[in-house]
């Protein structure tokens, strides 16, 4: 139906029910190779942060502080030395997401820092490509098994990231995806791709 291609309410539902509940590409492993390396992106409309912790484990969190939801990192990628520090009020989190220091908070009977760690997201790597899921999903390898069967031994983990390009489209996602699911337009818009 035509109304599926417009409307904020439908978009919010699709964001929550489709994109937040499926694996989304976040980065190449080379962008987060060392402890403290991170990438930040908006995934399914949610601010996300993917990093290597002190032990080299891949982790993902909502890129918001538990105090007042200020951003932990603002850049698309970078390096944090040993901790994530909220840019708004300075709360400090270990790279595994634990709250280490709520700045200027003294002892309080009803406050336990262990209850205020970062909200975690699922993160998994597959052949050098890092994916994130906002909501719990089946293992990434299970989803990609048919692709793995076709690719054989192909692996991109030894490659290094050369460049990142982003372009925002002011359109509903469905026509954009549908464009890539049909080849009817190829002879007229991309004649070189259609040449023998």
Protein backbone atom coordinates (compact mmCIF):
# COMPACT_ATOMS: atom_id res chain seq x y z
CA UNK A 1 0.00 0.00 0.00
CA UNK A 2 1.15 3.53 -0.81
CA UNK A 3 0.84 4.69 2.80
CA UNK A 4 3.62 2.25 3.74
CA UNK A 5 6.05 4.62 2.02
CA UNK A 6 5.34 7.63 4.21
CA UNK A 7 4.49 8.61 7.74
CA UNK A 8 6.53 8.99 10.88
CA UNK A 9 4.54 6.37 12.82
CA UNK A 10 5.20 3.64 10.24
CA UNK A 11 8.88 4.61 10.04
CA UNK A 12 9.23 4.41 13.83
CA UNK A 13 7.63 0.97 13.84
CA UNK A 14 9.91 -0.28 11.04
CA UNK A 15 12.95 1.14 12.82
CA UNK A 16 11.99 -0.72 16.00
CA UNK A 17 10.63 -3.95 14.49
CA UNK A 18 12.93 -4.45 11.49
CA UNK A 19 16.23 -2.62 11.82
CA UNK A 20 16.73 -2.79 15.59
CA UNK A 21 16.06 -6.54 15.50
CA UNK A 22 18.54 -7.39 12.76
CA UNK A 23 22.30 -7.19 12.29
CA UNK A 24 23.56 -3.91 10.82
CA UNK A 25 27.05 -3.32 9.43
CA UNK A 26 29.07 -1.02 11.71
CA UNK A 27 32.75 -1.11 10.72
CA UNK A 28 35.71 -3.04 9.42
CA UNK A 29 37.84 -4.64 12.14
CA UNK A 30 40.85 -2.56 11.10
CA UNK A 31 39.02 0.57 12.31
CA UNK A 32 38.88 -0.87 15.84
CA UNK A 33 42.03 -2.97 15.93
CA UNK A 34 43.59 -1.91 19.24
CA UNK A 35 42.21 -1.50 22.77
CA UNK A 36 40.52 1.89 23.03
CA UNK A 37 39.81 2.20 19.28
CA UNK A 38 36.17 2.97 18.59
CA UNK A 39 33.67 3.78 15.87
CA UNK A 40 30.43 5.63 16.53
CA UNK A 41 27.42 5.58 14.25
CA UNK A 42 23.68 5.90 14.26
CA UNK A 43 22.34 2.40 13.71
CA UNK A 44 18.62 1.98 13.13
CA UNK A 45 18.20 5.49 14.53
CA UNK A 46 20.04 4.65 17.76
CA UNK A 47 23.42 6.19 18.67
CA UNK A 48 25.87 3.30 18.92
CA UNK A 49 29.49 2.89 19.89
CA UNK A 50 31.68 -0.10 19.01
CA UNK A 51 35.12 -0.51 20.57
CA UNK A 52 37.88 -2.83 21.70
CA UNK A 53 38.12 -3.10 25.47
CA UNK A 54 41.40 -3.38 27.41
CA UNK A 55 41.54 -7.14 26.75
CA UNK A 56 40.88 -6.67 23.02
CA UNK A 57 37.29 -7.89 23.20
CA UNK A 58 34.84 -6.38 20.73
CA UNK A 59 32.07 -4.50 22.58
CA UNK A 60 29.13 -2.30 21.62
CA UNK A 61 27.05 0.13 23.66
CA UNK A 62 24.47 2.81 23.21
CA UNK A 63 26.55 5.97 22.78
CA UNK A 64 24.81 7.68 25.69
CA UNK A 65 25.74 8.25 29.30
CA UNK A 66 23.45 6.68 31.89
CA UNK A 67 23.24 9.98 33.79
CA UNK A 68 21.65 12.46 31.35
CA UNK A 69 22.10 10.65 28.01
CA UNK A 70 24.97 12.85 26.89
CA UNK A 71 27.20 11.44 24.16
CA UNK A 72 30.26 9.46 25.18
CA UNK A 73 32.08 10.12 21.91
CA UNK A 74 31.19 12.57 19.18
CA UNK A 75 33.50 11.64 16.34
CA UNK A 76 32.78 8.87 13.87
CA UNK A 77 35.97 7.11 14.95
CA UNK A 78 38.89 7.60 17.25
CA UNK A 79 40.71 6.34 20.28
CA UNK A 80 39.97 6.70 23.97
CA UNK A 81 42.74 6.07 26.47
CA UNK A 82 41.53 3.59 29.05
CA UNK A 83 38.02 4.94 29.64
CA UNK A 84 34.95 6.53 28.10
CA UNK A 85 34.12 9.90 29.62
CA UNK A 86 30.76 11.56 29.09
CA UNK A 87 31.25 14.86 27.33
CA UNK A 88 28.39 16.46 29.31
CA UNK A 89 28.95 15.80 33.03
CA UNK A 90 32.13 13.74 32.99
CA UNK A 91 30.90 10.35 34.18
CA UNK A 92 33.64 7.81 33.49
CA UNK A 93 33.12 4.26 32.21
CA UNK A 94 35.62 1.42 31.80
CA UNK A 95 35.96 0.10 28.26
CA UNK A 96 33.86 -2.90 29.30
CA UNK A 97 30.94 -0.56 30.10
CA UNK A 98 31.19 -0.48 33.91
CA UNK A 99 30.60 2.88 35.57
CA UNK A 100 33.93 3.76 37.21
CA UNK A 101 33.38 7.27 38.45
CA UNK A 102 30.18 9.31 38.64
CA UNK A 103 31.92 12.69 38.99
CA UNK A 104 31.13 14.61 42.20
CA UNK A 105 28.91 11.84 43.58
CA UNK A 106 29.75 10.93 47.13
CA UNK A 107 28.58 7.83 48.95
CA UNK A 108 24.83 7.33 48.78
CA UNK A 109 22.87 4.49 50.35
CA UNK A 110 20.55 4.18 47.35
CA UNK A 111 23.18 4.46 44.59
CA UNK A 112 25.36 1.56 43.48
CA UNK A 113 27.64 2.32 40.51
CA UNK A 114 27.44 -1.34 39.46
CA UNK A 115 23.79 -0.76 38.52
CA UNK A 116 24.60 2.09 36.14
CA UNK A 117 26.91 0.64 33.53
CA UNK A 118 26.39 1.37 29.85
CA UNK A 119 23.56 -0.30 27.97
CA UNK A 120 25.13 -3.02 25.85
CA UNK A 121 24.40 -3.98 22.27
CA UNK A 122 25.29 -7.18 20.46
CA UNK A 123 28.47 -6.97 18.39
CA UNK A 124 29.99 -9.72 16.29
CA UNK A 125 32.66 -9.91 13.67
CA UNK A 126 32.43 -12.01 10.52
CA UNK A 127 35.42 -12.27 8.20
CA UNK A 128 36.69 -8.85 9.23
CA UNK A 129 33.31 -7.10 9.08
CA UNK A 130 31.77 -5.90 12.36
CA UNK A 131 28.01 -5.94 12.82
CA UNK A 132 25.83 -4.61 15.63
CA UNK A 133 22.30 -5.50 16.72
CA UNK A 134 20.30 -3.12 18.90
CA UNK A 135 17.98 -5.89 20.12
CA UNK A 136 19.05 -9.51 20.75
CA UNK A 137 19.40 -11.49 17.52
CA UNK A 138 20.37 -15.00 16.47
CA UNK A 139 24.12 -15.49 16.04
CA UNK A 140 25.47 -13.59 13.05
CA UNK A 141 27.28 -16.67 11.70
CA UNK A 142 23.95 -18.54 11.52
CA UNK A 143 22.38 -15.76 9.50
CA UNK A 144 25.35 -15.50 7.14
CA UNK A 145 25.88 -19.25 6.66
CA UNK A 146 24.33 -19.25 3.16
CA UNK A 147 26.67 -16.38 2.20
CA UNK A 148 29.64 -18.22 3.73
CA UNK A 149 28.73 -21.33 1.71
CA UNK A 150 28.87 -19.32 -1.52
CA UNK A 151 32.03 -17.38 -0.65
CA UNK A 152 34.11 -20.34 0.44
CA UNK A 153 37.36 -19.19 2.06
CA UNK A 154 37.03 -15.48 1.17
CA UNK A 155 38.01 -13.38 4.18
CA UNK A 156 38.40 -9.63 4.55
CA UNK A 157 39.91 -9.58 8.05
CA UNK A 158 43.46 -9.03 6.72
CA UNK A 159 42.48 -5.91 4.80
CA UNK A 160 42.83 -2.37 6.11
CA UNK A 161 40.21 0.31 5.87
CA UNK A 162 41.10 2.75 3.10
CA UNK A 163 38.27 5.27 3.29
CA UNK A 164 34.76 5.76 4.63
CA UNK A 165 32.12 7.52 2.60
CA UNK A 166 28.65 8.27 3.83
CA UNK A 167 25.72 9.75 1.99
CA UNK A 168 22.36 10.50 3.50
CA UNK A 169 19.25 9.96 1.43
CA UNK A 170 16.11 11.93 2.11
CA UNK A 171 13.75 9.15 1.16
CA UNK A 172 11.90 6.22 2.61
CA UNK A 173 14.19 3.18 2.75
CA UNK A 174 11.87 0.87 0.82
CA UNK A 175 12.14 2.45 -2.68
CA UNK A 176 15.89 2.70 -2.22
CA UNK A 177 16.18 -1.01 -1.39
CA UNK A 178 13.66 -1.98 -4.06
CA UNK A 179 15.84 -0.23 -6.63
CA UNK A 180 18.61 -2.73 -5.91
CA UNK A 181 16.27 -5.72 -6.02
CA UNK A 182 15.35 -5.20 -9.66
CA UNK A 183 17.47 -4.83 -12.77
CA UNK A 184 14.85 -3.30 -15.05
CA UNK A 185 16.48 0.14 -14.84
CA UNK A 186 20.02 -1.08 -15.59
CA UNK A 187 19.92 -0.86 -19.44
CA UNK A 188 18.73 2.74 -19.37
CA UNK A 189 20.56 4.19 -16.35
CA UNK A 190 23.70 2.03 -16.33
CA UNK A 191 24.27 0.97 -19.97
CA UNK A 192 27.93 0.08 -19.35
CA UNK A 193 26.86 -2.52 -16.80
CA UNK A 194 24.45 -3.99 -19.34
CA UNK A 195 26.97 -4.16 -22.23
CA UNK A 196 28.13 -7.55 -23.48
